[in-house]
N, C-alpha and C. Protein backbone atom coordinates (compact mmCIF):
# COMPACT_ATOMS: atom_id res chain seq x y z
N UNK A 1 12.08 16.85 14.85
CA UNK A 1 10.90 17.43 15.51
C UNK A 1 11.31 18.07 16.83
N UNK A 2 10.75 19.23 17.09
CA UNK A 2 11.07 19.95 18.32
C UNK A 2 10.62 19.14 19.53
N UNK A 3 11.40 19.25 20.62
CA UNK A 3 11.08 18.50 21.83
C UNK A 3 9.87 19.08 22.56
N UNK A 4 9.55 20.34 22.30
CA UNK A 4 8.37 20.91 22.96
C UNK A 4 7.55 21.72 21.96
N UNK A 5 6.33 22.01 22.35
CA UNK A 5 5.39 22.72 21.49
C UNK A 5 5.75 24.21 21.43
N UNK A 6 5.40 24.81 20.32
CA UNK A 6 5.65 26.24 20.16
C UNK A 6 4.49 27.03 20.77
N UNK A 7 4.58 27.23 22.07
CA UNK A 7 3.54 27.92 22.84
C UNK A 7 4.22 28.98 23.70
N UNK A 8 3.65 30.18 23.75
CA UNK A 8 4.26 31.23 24.57
C UNK A 8 4.29 30.82 26.05
N UNK A 9 5.39 31.06 26.74
CA UNK A 9 5.53 30.64 28.15
C UNK A 9 4.76 31.54 29.10
N UNK A 10 3.45 31.32 29.16
CA UNK A 10 2.60 32.09 30.07
C UNK A 10 1.93 31.16 31.07
N UNK A 11 1.44 31.74 32.16
CA UNK A 11 0.78 30.93 33.18
C UNK A 11 -0.50 30.29 32.65
N UNK A 12 -1.25 31.05 31.83
CA UNK A 12 -2.49 30.49 31.28
C UNK A 12 -2.18 29.31 30.35
N UNK A 13 -1.10 29.44 29.56
CA UNK A 13 -0.70 28.33 28.68
C UNK A 13 -0.28 27.12 29.51
N UNK A 14 0.41 27.37 30.62
CA UNK A 14 0.85 26.28 31.49
C UNK A 14 -0.34 25.53 32.08
N UNK A 15 -1.34 26.26 32.56
CA UNK A 15 -2.53 25.62 33.13
C UNK A 15 -3.28 24.81 32.08
N UNK A 16 -3.37 25.37 30.87
CA UNK A 16 -4.07 24.67 29.79
C UNK A 16 -3.34 23.38 29.40
N UNK A 17 -2.01 23.46 29.34
CA UNK A 17 -1.22 22.27 28.99
C UNK A 17 -1.36 21.18 30.05
N UNK A 18 -1.38 21.56 31.31
CA UNK A 18 -1.54 20.57 32.37
C UNK A 18 -2.88 19.85 32.27
N UNK A 19 -3.93 20.62 31.94
CA UNK A 19 -5.25 19.99 31.75
C UNK A 19 -5.23 19.05 30.55
N UNK A 20 -4.56 19.47 29.48
CA UNK A 20 -4.50 18.64 28.28
C UNK A 20 -3.70 17.36 28.52
N UNK A 21 -2.65 17.44 29.31
CA UNK A 21 -1.86 16.26 29.62
C UNK A 21 -2.70 15.24 30.39
N UNK A 22 -3.49 15.71 31.33
CA UNK A 22 -4.38 14.80 32.07
C UNK A 22 -5.34 14.11 31.10
N UNK A 23 -5.90 14.87 30.17
CA UNK A 23 -6.82 14.31 29.17
C UNK A 23 -6.10 13.29 28.29
N UNK A 24 -4.88 13.61 27.85
CA UNK A 24 -4.11 12.70 27.00
C UNK A 24 -3.75 11.41 27.75
N UNK A 25 -3.41 11.52 29.01
CA UNK A 25 -3.06 10.34 29.79
C UNK A 25 -4.28 9.44 29.99
N UNK A 26 -5.45 10.05 30.20
CA UNK A 26 -6.68 9.26 30.30
C UNK A 26 -6.97 8.56 28.98
N UNK A 27 -6.78 9.31 27.86
CA UNK A 27 -6.99 8.71 26.55
C UNK A 27 -6.02 7.57 26.29
N UNK A 28 -4.77 7.74 26.71
CA UNK A 28 -3.78 6.67 26.56
C UNK A 28 -4.18 5.43 27.35
N UNK A 29 -4.67 5.64 28.56
CA UNK A 29 -5.10 4.51 29.39
C UNK A 29 -6.27 3.76 28.75
N UNK A 30 -7.23 4.51 28.20
CA UNK A 30 -8.37 3.88 27.54
C UNK A 30 -7.94 3.11 26.29
N UNK A 31 -7.05 3.71 25.51
CA UNK A 31 -6.57 3.03 24.31
C UNK A 31 -5.77 1.78 24.66
N UNK A 32 -5.02 1.84 25.75
CA UNK A 32 -4.24 0.68 26.18
C UNK A 32 -5.17 -0.46 26.58
N UNK A 33 -6.28 -0.15 27.26
CA UNK A 33 -7.26 -1.20 27.61
C UNK A 33 -7.92 -1.76 26.35
N UNK A 34 -8.23 -0.88 25.41
CA UNK A 34 -8.83 -1.33 24.15
C UNK A 34 -7.86 -2.24 23.40
N UNK A 35 -6.58 -1.87 23.36
CA UNK A 35 -5.58 -2.69 22.68
C UNK A 35 -5.49 -4.08 23.31
N UNK A 36 -5.50 -4.13 24.64
CA UNK A 36 -5.42 -5.42 25.33
C UNK A 36 -6.65 -6.28 25.03
N UNK A 37 -7.83 -5.64 25.00
CA UNK A 37 -9.06 -6.38 24.70
C UNK A 37 -9.04 -6.90 23.27
N UNK A 38 -8.61 -6.06 22.33
CA UNK A 38 -8.55 -6.48 20.93
C UNK A 38 -7.56 -7.63 20.76
N UNK A 39 -6.43 -7.54 21.44
CA UNK A 39 -5.43 -8.61 21.35
C UNK A 39 -6.01 -9.93 21.85
N UNK A 40 -6.75 -9.88 22.96
CA UNK A 40 -7.36 -11.09 23.50
C UNK A 40 -8.40 -11.67 22.53
N UNK A 41 -9.21 -10.78 21.93
CA UNK A 41 -10.23 -11.24 20.99
C UNK A 41 -9.60 -11.87 19.75
N UNK A 42 -8.50 -11.28 19.28
CA UNK A 42 -7.82 -11.83 18.11
C UNK A 42 -7.30 -13.24 18.40
N UNK A 43 -6.68 -13.43 19.56
CA UNK A 43 -6.14 -14.75 19.90
C UNK A 43 -7.26 -15.77 20.12
N UNK A 44 -8.37 -15.32 20.70
CA UNK A 44 -9.50 -16.23 20.88
C UNK A 44 -10.03 -16.71 19.53
N UNK A 45 -10.21 -15.77 18.60
CA UNK A 45 -10.71 -16.14 17.28
C UNK A 45 -9.69 -16.92 16.46
N UNK A 46 -8.42 -16.65 16.70
CA UNK A 46 -7.39 -17.39 15.98
C UNK A 46 -7.43 -18.87 16.34
N UNK A 47 -7.61 -19.17 17.62
CA UNK A 47 -7.70 -20.57 18.03
C UNK A 47 -8.92 -21.26 17.43
N UNK A 48 -10.07 -20.57 17.48
CA UNK A 48 -11.29 -21.16 16.90
C UNK A 48 -11.17 -21.28 15.39
N UNK A 49 -10.56 -20.26 14.75
CA UNK A 49 -10.39 -20.27 13.30
C UNK A 49 -9.57 -21.48 12.85
N UNK A 50 -8.50 -21.79 13.55
CA UNK A 50 -7.66 -22.93 13.18
C UNK A 50 -8.42 -24.25 13.29
N UNK A 51 -9.24 -24.38 14.34
CA UNK A 51 -10.02 -25.61 14.51
C UNK A 51 -11.06 -25.76 13.39
N UNK A 52 -11.79 -24.66 13.12
CA UNK A 52 -12.83 -24.72 12.09
C UNK A 52 -12.21 -24.93 10.71
N UNK A 53 -11.07 -24.30 10.46
CA UNK A 53 -10.41 -24.46 9.15
C UNK A 53 -9.98 -25.92 8.94
N UNK A 54 -9.45 -26.54 9.98
CA UNK A 54 -9.03 -27.95 9.87
C UNK A 54 -10.23 -28.85 9.60
N UNK A 55 -11.36 -28.59 10.31
CA UNK A 55 -12.55 -29.40 10.11
C UNK A 55 -13.15 -29.15 8.71
N UNK A 56 -13.14 -27.89 8.25
CA UNK A 56 -13.65 -27.59 6.91
C UNK A 56 -12.79 -28.27 5.84
N UNK A 57 -11.50 -28.29 6.04
CA UNK A 57 -10.61 -28.97 5.10
C UNK A 57 -10.94 -30.46 5.02
N UNK A 58 -11.18 -31.06 6.20
CA UNK A 58 -11.51 -32.48 6.21
C UNK A 58 -12.82 -32.76 5.48
N UNK A 59 -13.83 -31.91 5.73
CA UNK A 59 -15.13 -32.11 5.07
C UNK A 59 -15.04 -31.88 3.56
N UNK A 60 -14.25 -30.90 3.16
CA UNK A 60 -14.09 -30.65 1.72
C UNK A 60 -13.39 -31.81 1.03
N UNK A 61 -12.37 -32.35 1.67
CA UNK A 61 -11.68 -33.50 1.08
C UNK A 61 -12.63 -34.68 0.91
N UNK A 62 -13.47 -34.91 1.92
CA UNK A 62 -14.44 -36.00 1.83
C UNK A 62 -15.48 -35.73 0.74
N UNK A 63 -15.95 -34.48 0.67
CA UNK A 63 -16.94 -34.12 -0.35
C UNK A 63 -16.38 -34.28 -1.76
N UNK A 64 -15.13 -33.87 -1.96
CA UNK A 64 -14.52 -33.97 -3.29
C UNK A 64 -14.22 -35.43 -3.66
N UNK A 65 -13.99 -36.27 -2.67
CA UNK A 65 -13.83 -37.70 -2.98
C UNK A 65 -15.13 -38.26 -3.54
N UNK A 66 -16.27 -37.91 -2.90
CA UNK A 66 -17.56 -38.35 -3.42
C UNK A 66 -17.85 -37.74 -4.78
N UNK A 67 -17.47 -36.48 -4.97
CA UNK A 67 -17.70 -35.83 -6.26
C UNK A 67 -16.86 -36.48 -7.35
N UNK A 68 -15.62 -36.82 -7.03
CA UNK A 68 -14.76 -37.49 -8.01
C UNK A 68 -15.32 -38.87 -8.36
N UNK A 69 -15.87 -39.57 -7.35
CA UNK A 69 -16.48 -40.87 -7.60
C UNK A 69 -17.70 -40.74 -8.50
N UNK A 70 -18.53 -39.71 -8.23
CA UNK A 70 -19.72 -39.48 -9.07
C UNK A 70 -19.31 -39.14 -10.50
N UNK A 71 -18.26 -38.34 -10.65
CA UNK A 71 -17.79 -37.98 -11.98
C UNK A 71 -17.27 -39.20 -12.74
N UNK A 72 -16.58 -40.06 -12.01
CA UNK A 72 -16.04 -41.27 -12.64
C UNK A 72 -17.17 -42.20 -13.10
N UNK A 73 -18.22 -42.31 -12.28
CA UNK A 73 -19.31 -43.22 -12.61
C UNK A 73 -20.29 -42.65 -13.62
N UNK A 74 -20.49 -41.31 -13.58
CA UNK A 74 -21.52 -40.70 -14.43
C UNK A 74 -20.93 -39.97 -15.65
N UNK A 75 -19.69 -39.54 -15.52
CA UNK A 75 -19.12 -38.74 -16.60
C UNK A 75 -19.37 -37.25 -16.35
N UNK A 76 -18.47 -36.41 -16.85
CA UNK A 76 -18.55 -34.97 -16.59
C UNK A 76 -19.81 -34.36 -17.18
N UNK A 77 -20.16 -34.73 -18.41
CA UNK A 77 -21.33 -34.12 -19.05
C UNK A 77 -22.61 -34.50 -18.32
N UNK A 78 -22.75 -35.75 -17.97
CA UNK A 78 -23.95 -36.21 -17.26
C UNK A 78 -24.03 -35.55 -15.87
N UNK A 79 -22.87 -35.36 -15.26
CA UNK A 79 -22.84 -34.74 -13.94
C UNK A 79 -23.33 -33.29 -14.01
N UNK A 80 -22.88 -32.57 -15.06
CA UNK A 80 -23.33 -31.18 -15.22
C UNK A 80 -24.82 -31.11 -15.52
N UNK A 81 -25.32 -32.00 -16.33
CA UNK A 81 -26.75 -32.01 -16.66
C UNK A 81 -27.59 -32.31 -15.42
N UNK A 82 -27.12 -33.21 -14.59
CA UNK A 82 -27.88 -33.58 -13.39
C UNK A 82 -27.91 -32.44 -12.38
N UNK A 83 -26.86 -31.59 -12.39
CA UNK A 83 -26.80 -30.49 -11.43
C UNK A 83 -27.64 -29.29 -11.85
N UNK A 84 -28.07 -29.25 -13.13
CA UNK A 84 -28.85 -28.11 -13.61
C UNK A 84 -30.21 -28.06 -12.91
N UNK A 85 -30.56 -26.87 -12.43
CA UNK A 85 -31.88 -26.65 -11.85
C UNK A 85 -32.08 -27.23 -10.47
N UNK A 86 -31.02 -27.73 -9.85
CA UNK A 86 -31.19 -28.28 -8.50
C UNK A 86 -31.47 -27.15 -7.51
N UNK A 87 -32.36 -27.36 -6.55
CA UNK A 87 -32.64 -26.32 -5.55
C UNK A 87 -31.44 -26.13 -4.62
N UNK A 88 -31.30 -24.96 -4.02
CA UNK A 88 -30.18 -24.73 -3.09
C UNK A 88 -30.29 -25.63 -1.86
N UNK A 89 -29.15 -25.95 -1.31
CA UNK A 89 -29.11 -26.82 -0.12
C UNK A 89 -28.69 -26.04 1.12
N UNK A 90 -28.64 -24.72 0.98
CA UNK A 90 -28.13 -23.91 2.09
C UNK A 90 -28.81 -22.54 2.06
N UNK A 91 -29.19 -22.04 3.24
CA UNK A 91 -29.71 -20.68 3.36
C UNK A 91 -28.74 -19.89 4.23
N UNK A 92 -28.27 -18.76 3.71
CA UNK A 92 -27.26 -17.96 4.40
C UNK A 92 -27.80 -16.55 4.66
N UNK A 93 -27.65 -16.10 5.89
CA UNK A 93 -28.02 -14.73 6.26
C UNK A 93 -26.77 -14.02 6.77
N UNK A 94 -26.58 -12.79 6.29
CA UNK A 94 -25.42 -11.99 6.69
C UNK A 94 -25.92 -10.67 7.27
N UNK A 95 -25.55 -10.40 8.52
CA UNK A 95 -25.94 -9.18 9.21
C UNK A 95 -24.70 -8.53 9.80
N UNK A 96 -24.72 -7.19 9.92
CA UNK A 96 -23.56 -6.52 10.53
C UNK A 96 -23.50 -6.77 12.03
N UNK A 97 -22.29 -6.87 12.53
CA UNK A 97 -22.06 -7.08 13.96
C UNK A 97 -20.94 -6.16 14.42
N UNK A 98 -21.05 -5.66 15.66
CA UNK A 98 -20.04 -4.75 16.19
C UNK A 98 -19.44 -5.34 17.46
N UNK A 99 -18.13 -5.15 17.58
CA UNK A 99 -17.43 -5.58 18.78
C UNK A 99 -16.23 -4.67 18.99
N UNK A 100 -16.18 -3.98 20.12
CA UNK A 100 -15.11 -3.03 20.45
C UNK A 100 -14.94 -2.00 19.33
N UNK A 101 -16.07 -1.57 18.77
CA UNK A 101 -16.02 -0.56 17.72
C UNK A 101 -15.66 -1.09 16.35
N UNK A 102 -15.54 -2.39 16.21
CA UNK A 102 -15.17 -3.00 14.93
C UNK A 102 -16.39 -3.68 14.33
N UNK A 103 -16.68 -3.38 13.08
CA UNK A 103 -17.83 -3.99 12.40
C UNK A 103 -17.36 -5.12 11.50
N UNK A 104 -18.05 -6.25 11.56
CA UNK A 104 -17.76 -7.37 10.66
C UNK A 104 -19.06 -8.15 10.47
N UNK A 105 -19.15 -8.94 9.41
CA UNK A 105 -20.40 -9.64 9.13
C UNK A 105 -20.63 -10.83 10.05
N UNK A 106 -21.84 -10.95 10.53
CA UNK A 106 -22.26 -12.13 11.28
C UNK A 106 -23.00 -13.06 10.33
N UNK A 107 -22.46 -14.22 10.10
CA UNK A 107 -22.99 -15.15 9.10
C UNK A 107 -23.71 -16.30 9.80
N UNK A 108 -24.96 -16.48 9.45
CA UNK A 108 -25.72 -17.64 9.94
C UNK A 108 -26.15 -18.46 8.73
N UNK A 109 -25.89 -19.74 8.80
CA UNK A 109 -26.24 -20.63 7.69
C UNK A 109 -27.01 -21.82 8.23
N UNK A 110 -28.02 -22.23 7.49
CA UNK A 110 -28.81 -23.39 7.88
C UNK A 110 -29.02 -24.28 6.66
N UNK A 111 -28.93 -25.58 6.85
CA UNK A 111 -29.10 -26.49 5.70
C UNK A 111 -30.57 -26.60 5.29
N UNK A 112 -30.77 -26.80 4.03
CA UNK A 112 -32.10 -27.04 3.49
C UNK A 112 -32.21 -28.51 3.10
N UNK A 113 -33.42 -29.06 3.07
CA UNK A 113 -33.57 -30.48 2.71
C UNK A 113 -33.00 -30.76 1.32
N UNK A 114 -32.26 -31.85 1.23
CA UNK A 114 -31.69 -32.26 -0.06
C UNK A 114 -32.59 -33.33 -0.67
N UNK A 115 -33.21 -32.95 -1.77
CA UNK A 115 -34.10 -33.89 -2.46
C UNK A 115 -33.27 -34.77 -3.38
N UNK A 116 -33.33 -36.09 -3.20
CA UNK A 116 -32.57 -36.96 -4.10
C UNK A 116 -32.98 -36.76 -5.55
N UNK A 117 -32.02 -36.84 -6.44
CA UNK A 117 -32.32 -36.62 -7.86
C UNK A 117 -33.14 -37.77 -8.40
N UNK A 118 -32.66 -38.99 -8.19
CA UNK A 118 -33.45 -40.17 -8.56
C UNK A 118 -33.62 -40.37 -10.05
N UNK A 119 -32.71 -39.80 -10.85
CA UNK A 119 -32.80 -40.03 -12.30
C UNK A 119 -32.14 -41.35 -12.67
N UNK A 120 -32.53 -41.88 -13.82
CA UNK A 120 -32.04 -43.20 -14.22
C UNK A 120 -30.53 -43.20 -14.43
N UNK A 121 -30.01 -42.08 -14.92
CA UNK A 121 -28.57 -42.08 -15.26
C UNK A 121 -27.68 -41.58 -14.12
N UNK A 122 -28.29 -41.29 -12.99
CA UNK A 122 -27.48 -40.81 -11.87
C UNK A 122 -27.04 -41.98 -10.99
N UNK A 123 -26.02 -41.70 -10.20
CA UNK A 123 -25.46 -42.69 -9.29
C UNK A 123 -25.66 -42.19 -7.85
N UNK A 124 -25.85 -43.09 -6.89
CA UNK A 124 -26.02 -42.65 -5.49
C UNK A 124 -24.88 -41.77 -4.99
N UNK A 125 -23.70 -41.93 -5.56
CA UNK A 125 -22.57 -41.11 -5.14
C UNK A 125 -22.83 -39.62 -5.41
N UNK A 126 -23.69 -39.32 -6.38
CA UNK A 126 -24.01 -37.92 -6.70
C UNK A 126 -24.73 -37.26 -5.53
N UNK A 127 -25.72 -37.96 -4.96
CA UNK A 127 -26.44 -37.42 -3.80
C UNK A 127 -25.55 -37.35 -2.57
N UNK A 128 -24.66 -38.32 -2.42
CA UNK A 128 -23.71 -38.28 -1.30
C UNK A 128 -22.79 -37.07 -1.42
N UNK A 129 -22.34 -36.79 -2.64
CA UNK A 129 -21.47 -35.62 -2.86
C UNK A 129 -22.21 -34.33 -2.53
N UNK A 130 -23.49 -34.26 -2.90
CA UNK A 130 -24.28 -33.07 -2.58
C UNK A 130 -24.40 -32.88 -1.06
N UNK A 131 -24.65 -33.96 -0.33
CA UNK A 131 -24.77 -33.88 1.12
C UNK A 131 -23.47 -33.41 1.77
N UNK A 132 -22.36 -33.99 1.32
CA UNK A 132 -21.07 -33.63 1.91
C UNK A 132 -20.68 -32.19 1.57
N UNK A 133 -20.98 -31.76 0.35
CA UNK A 133 -20.70 -30.37 -0.02
C UNK A 133 -21.55 -29.40 0.78
N UNK A 134 -22.80 -29.80 1.07
CA UNK A 134 -23.66 -28.96 1.89
C UNK A 134 -23.11 -28.82 3.31
N UNK A 135 -22.63 -29.95 3.87
CA UNK A 135 -22.04 -29.91 5.21
C UNK A 135 -20.80 -29.01 5.23
N UNK A 136 -19.97 -29.15 4.21
CA UNK A 136 -18.76 -28.33 4.14
C UNK A 136 -19.11 -26.85 3.98
N UNK A 137 -20.15 -26.56 3.21
CA UNK A 137 -20.54 -25.16 3.00
C UNK A 137 -21.00 -24.49 4.29
N UNK A 138 -21.70 -25.27 5.14
CA UNK A 138 -22.10 -24.74 6.44
C UNK A 138 -20.89 -24.29 7.25
N UNK A 139 -19.87 -25.12 7.25
CA UNK A 139 -18.68 -24.80 8.02
C UNK A 139 -17.89 -23.67 7.36
N UNK A 140 -17.88 -23.62 6.03
CA UNK A 140 -17.16 -22.56 5.32
C UNK A 140 -17.80 -21.19 5.58
N UNK A 141 -19.12 -21.18 5.74
CA UNK A 141 -19.79 -19.91 6.06
C UNK A 141 -19.33 -19.41 7.43
N UNK A 142 -19.24 -20.31 8.39
CA UNK A 142 -18.74 -19.94 9.73
C UNK A 142 -17.27 -19.55 9.68
N UNK A 143 -16.51 -20.27 8.86
CA UNK A 143 -15.08 -19.96 8.71
C UNK A 143 -14.89 -18.57 8.12
N UNK A 144 -15.74 -18.20 7.15
CA UNK A 144 -15.65 -16.87 6.54
C UNK A 144 -15.91 -15.77 7.55
N UNK A 145 -16.89 -16.00 8.44
CA UNK A 145 -17.17 -15.02 9.48
C UNK A 145 -15.98 -14.87 10.43
N UNK A 146 -15.42 -16.01 10.85
CA UNK A 146 -14.29 -15.98 11.77
C UNK A 146 -13.08 -15.28 11.16
N UNK A 147 -12.81 -15.58 9.91
CA UNK A 147 -11.62 -15.00 9.25
C UNK A 147 -11.78 -13.50 9.06
N UNK A 148 -12.97 -13.08 8.60
CA UNK A 148 -13.21 -11.65 8.40
C UNK A 148 -13.12 -10.89 9.71
N UNK A 149 -13.77 -11.44 10.76
CA UNK A 149 -13.72 -10.79 12.07
C UNK A 149 -12.30 -10.72 12.59
N UNK A 150 -11.54 -11.81 12.42
CA UNK A 150 -10.18 -11.86 12.95
C UNK A 150 -9.30 -10.80 12.28
N UNK A 151 -9.38 -10.69 10.94
CA UNK A 151 -8.53 -9.73 10.24
C UNK A 151 -8.93 -8.30 10.54
N UNK A 152 -10.22 -8.04 10.69
CA UNK A 152 -10.64 -6.67 11.02
C UNK A 152 -10.28 -6.29 12.45
N UNK A 153 -10.41 -7.25 13.36
CA UNK A 153 -9.99 -6.99 14.75
C UNK A 153 -8.48 -6.79 14.82
N UNK A 154 -7.75 -7.56 14.03
CA UNK A 154 -6.29 -7.42 14.02
C UNK A 154 -5.88 -6.07 13.44
N UNK A 155 -6.57 -5.62 12.38
CA UNK A 155 -6.26 -4.31 11.81
C UNK A 155 -6.53 -3.20 12.81
N UNK A 156 -7.65 -3.33 13.55
CA UNK A 156 -7.98 -2.32 14.56
C UNK A 156 -6.98 -2.38 15.72
N UNK A 157 -6.53 -3.58 16.07
CA UNK A 157 -5.55 -3.72 17.14
C UNK A 157 -4.23 -3.04 16.76
N UNK A 158 -3.81 -3.21 15.51
CA UNK A 158 -2.57 -2.57 15.05
C UNK A 158 -2.71 -1.06 15.02
N UNK A 159 -3.87 -0.59 14.57
CA UNK A 159 -4.11 0.86 14.54
C UNK A 159 -4.12 1.44 15.95
N UNK A 160 -4.75 0.71 16.87
CA UNK A 160 -4.77 1.17 18.27
C UNK A 160 -3.37 1.16 18.87
N UNK A 161 -2.58 0.14 18.52
CA UNK A 161 -1.21 0.07 19.03
C UNK A 161 -0.39 1.27 18.56
N UNK A 162 -0.59 1.68 17.31
CA UNK A 162 0.13 2.86 16.80
C UNK A 162 -0.27 4.12 17.57
N UNK A 163 -1.56 4.24 17.88
CA UNK A 163 -2.02 5.40 18.64
C UNK A 163 -1.45 5.39 20.06
N UNK A 164 -1.43 4.21 20.67
CA UNK A 164 -0.86 4.08 22.01
C UNK A 164 0.60 4.49 22.01
N UNK A 165 1.36 4.01 21.03
CA UNK A 165 2.78 4.34 20.94
C UNK A 165 2.99 5.82 20.67
N UNK A 166 2.14 6.40 19.80
CA UNK A 166 2.27 7.83 19.48
C UNK A 166 2.05 8.68 20.72
N UNK A 167 1.04 8.32 21.50
CA UNK A 167 0.78 9.07 22.73
C UNK A 167 1.90 8.88 23.75
N UNK A 168 2.34 7.63 23.91
CA UNK A 168 3.31 7.31 24.96
C UNK A 168 4.70 7.86 24.65
N UNK A 169 5.12 7.76 23.39
CA UNK A 169 6.50 8.09 23.06
C UNK A 169 6.68 9.43 22.34
N UNK A 170 5.57 10.06 21.94
CA UNK A 170 5.69 11.31 21.19
C UNK A 170 4.87 12.43 21.79
N UNK A 171 3.54 12.26 21.77
CA UNK A 171 2.65 13.37 22.12
C UNK A 171 2.80 13.76 23.60
N UNK A 172 2.58 12.80 24.51
CA UNK A 172 2.64 13.11 25.94
C UNK A 172 4.02 13.61 26.36
N UNK A 173 5.13 12.97 25.91
CA UNK A 173 6.45 13.54 26.26
C UNK A 173 6.66 14.97 25.77
N UNK A 174 6.13 15.30 24.60
CA UNK A 174 6.28 16.69 24.11
C UNK A 174 5.51 17.66 24.99
N UNK A 175 4.32 17.26 25.41
CA UNK A 175 3.53 18.12 26.29
C UNK A 175 4.24 18.29 27.63
N UNK A 176 4.77 17.20 28.18
CA UNK A 176 5.47 17.30 29.46
C UNK A 176 6.74 18.14 29.33
N UNK A 177 7.44 17.98 28.21
CA UNK A 177 8.63 18.79 27.98
C UNK A 177 8.28 20.27 27.86
N UNK A 178 7.15 20.54 27.20
CA UNK A 178 6.71 21.93 27.07
C UNK A 178 6.34 22.51 28.43
N UNK A 179 5.66 21.70 29.27
CA UNK A 179 5.31 22.15 30.63
C UNK A 179 6.58 22.47 31.42
N UNK A 180 7.57 21.60 31.34
CA UNK A 180 8.84 21.83 32.04
C UNK A 180 9.52 23.10 31.52
N UNK A 181 9.49 23.28 30.21
CA UNK A 181 10.10 24.47 29.61
C UNK A 181 9.41 25.75 30.08
N UNK A 182 8.08 25.75 30.08
CA UNK A 182 7.34 26.94 30.50
C UNK A 182 7.55 27.20 31.99
N UNK A 183 7.54 26.13 32.79
CA UNK A 183 7.79 26.30 34.23
C UNK A 183 9.18 26.91 34.48
N UNK A 184 10.16 26.43 33.75
CA UNK A 184 11.52 26.96 33.90
C UNK A 184 11.57 28.42 33.47
N UNK A 185 10.88 28.74 32.36
CA UNK A 185 10.88 30.11 31.86
C UNK A 185 10.18 31.05 32.85
N UNK A 186 9.05 30.58 33.42
CA UNK A 186 8.33 31.41 34.39
C UNK A 186 9.15 31.59 35.67
N UNK A 187 9.82 30.52 36.11
CA UNK A 187 10.67 30.65 37.30
C UNK A 187 11.83 31.61 37.06
N UNK A 188 12.42 31.54 35.88
CA UNK A 188 13.51 32.45 35.54
C UNK A 188 13.01 33.89 35.49
N UNK A 189 11.81 34.06 34.92
CA UNK A 189 11.22 35.40 34.85
C UNK A 189 10.93 35.93 36.25
N UNK A 190 10.45 35.03 37.13
CA UNK A 190 10.17 35.44 38.50
C UNK A 190 11.46 35.82 39.24
N UNK A 191 12.53 35.05 39.03
CA UNK A 191 13.80 35.38 39.66
C UNK A 191 14.34 36.72 39.17
N UNK A 192 14.20 36.97 37.86
CA UNK A 192 14.64 38.25 37.31
C UNK A 192 13.83 39.41 37.88
N UNK A 193 12.52 39.17 38.03
CA UNK A 193 11.67 40.22 38.59
C UNK A 193 12.05 40.51 40.03
N UNK A 194 12.27 39.45 40.82
CA UNK A 194 12.68 39.63 42.21
C UNK A 194 14.03 40.34 42.31
N UNK A 195 14.94 39.96 41.40
CA UNK A 195 16.25 40.61 41.41
C UNK A 195 16.13 42.10 41.09
N UNK A 196 15.30 42.42 40.11
CA UNK A 196 15.10 43.83 39.75
C UNK A 196 14.46 44.59 40.90
N UNK A 197 13.50 43.96 41.58
CA UNK A 197 12.87 44.61 42.73
C UNK A 197 13.91 44.86 43.82
N UNK A 198 14.77 43.87 44.05
CA UNK A 198 15.81 44.01 45.06
C UNK A 198 16.76 45.15 44.71
N UNK A 199 17.14 45.23 43.42
CA UNK A 199 18.05 46.30 42.99
C UNK A 199 17.39 47.66 43.17
N UNK A 200 16.13 47.75 42.76
CA UNK A 200 15.41 49.03 42.90
C UNK A 200 15.28 49.42 44.37
N UNK A 201 15.03 48.42 45.26
CA UNK A 201 14.89 48.71 46.68
C UNK A 201 16.23 49.22 47.25
N UNK A 202 17.31 48.55 46.83
CA UNK A 202 18.62 48.98 47.32
C UNK A 202 18.96 50.40 46.82
N UNK A 203 18.59 50.65 45.58
CA UNK A 203 18.84 51.99 45.05
C UNK A 203 18.03 53.04 45.80
N UNK A 204 16.79 52.68 46.12
CA UNK A 204 15.93 53.61 46.86
C UNK A 204 16.49 53.86 48.27
N UNK A 205 17.01 52.77 48.90
CA UNK A 205 17.56 52.92 50.25
C UNK A 205 18.83 53.79 50.22
N UNK A 206 19.67 53.61 49.22
CA UNK A 206 20.89 54.43 49.13
C UNK A 206 20.52 55.89 48.87
N UNK A 207 19.51 56.08 48.03
CA UNK A 207 19.09 57.45 47.76
C UNK A 207 18.54 58.11 49.02
N UNK A 208 17.82 57.32 49.82
CA UNK A 208 17.25 57.87 51.06
C UNK A 208 18.36 58.22 52.06
N UNK A 209 19.36 57.32 52.13
CA UNK A 209 20.49 57.60 53.03
C UNK A 209 21.27 58.83 52.57
N UNK A 210 21.38 58.99 51.27
CA UNK A 210 22.12 60.16 50.72
C UNK A 210 21.38 61.45 51.07
N UNK A 211 20.07 61.45 51.04
CA UNK A 211 19.30 62.65 51.35
C UNK A 211 19.37 62.94 52.86
N UNK A 212 19.47 61.86 53.65
CA UNK A 212 19.50 62.05 55.10
C UNK A 212 20.88 62.54 55.54
């Protein structure tokens, strides 16, 4: 890739490039602040995500222990029959949320009352398993929001980092190199013009002396 842009070395081009460099540097500064903010948000969510994931794992393990106990006491077929037609134990709402230009789902979940089954062939462990699974589901809904937000913020952070690097190491240096090139070309042209004027003046003075 050429070190400078293919632009004719004129004064108007030089002025335009200088204005564009100022704009690019401001854009680089804004992107750098955005990158820093995104990085901070990613690390904040990463810490919370690890805590919620560990707690969700603990609740799921407890819920599955109760479910395994219910299956052992009631049998798989009876367990499936008892679960048929049960009302939901969780209400989930998902709405879009924006942060630093990044959209991700905001998940709110609330538990619903768990009505005991109370059938003759059921075991109390069945209702305990339902309660524990409901608790775990609440946390899993929050975990899903955290994970989705974290990955989308991380993707935006990486994209912003690429733009920052492109401006810092490629675009802005090429513009500055082009400015230096045009300035050198204009200075050389000015020196040549002054030299030609000097030669013409000397020639005119010699001609005047010859006539005198």
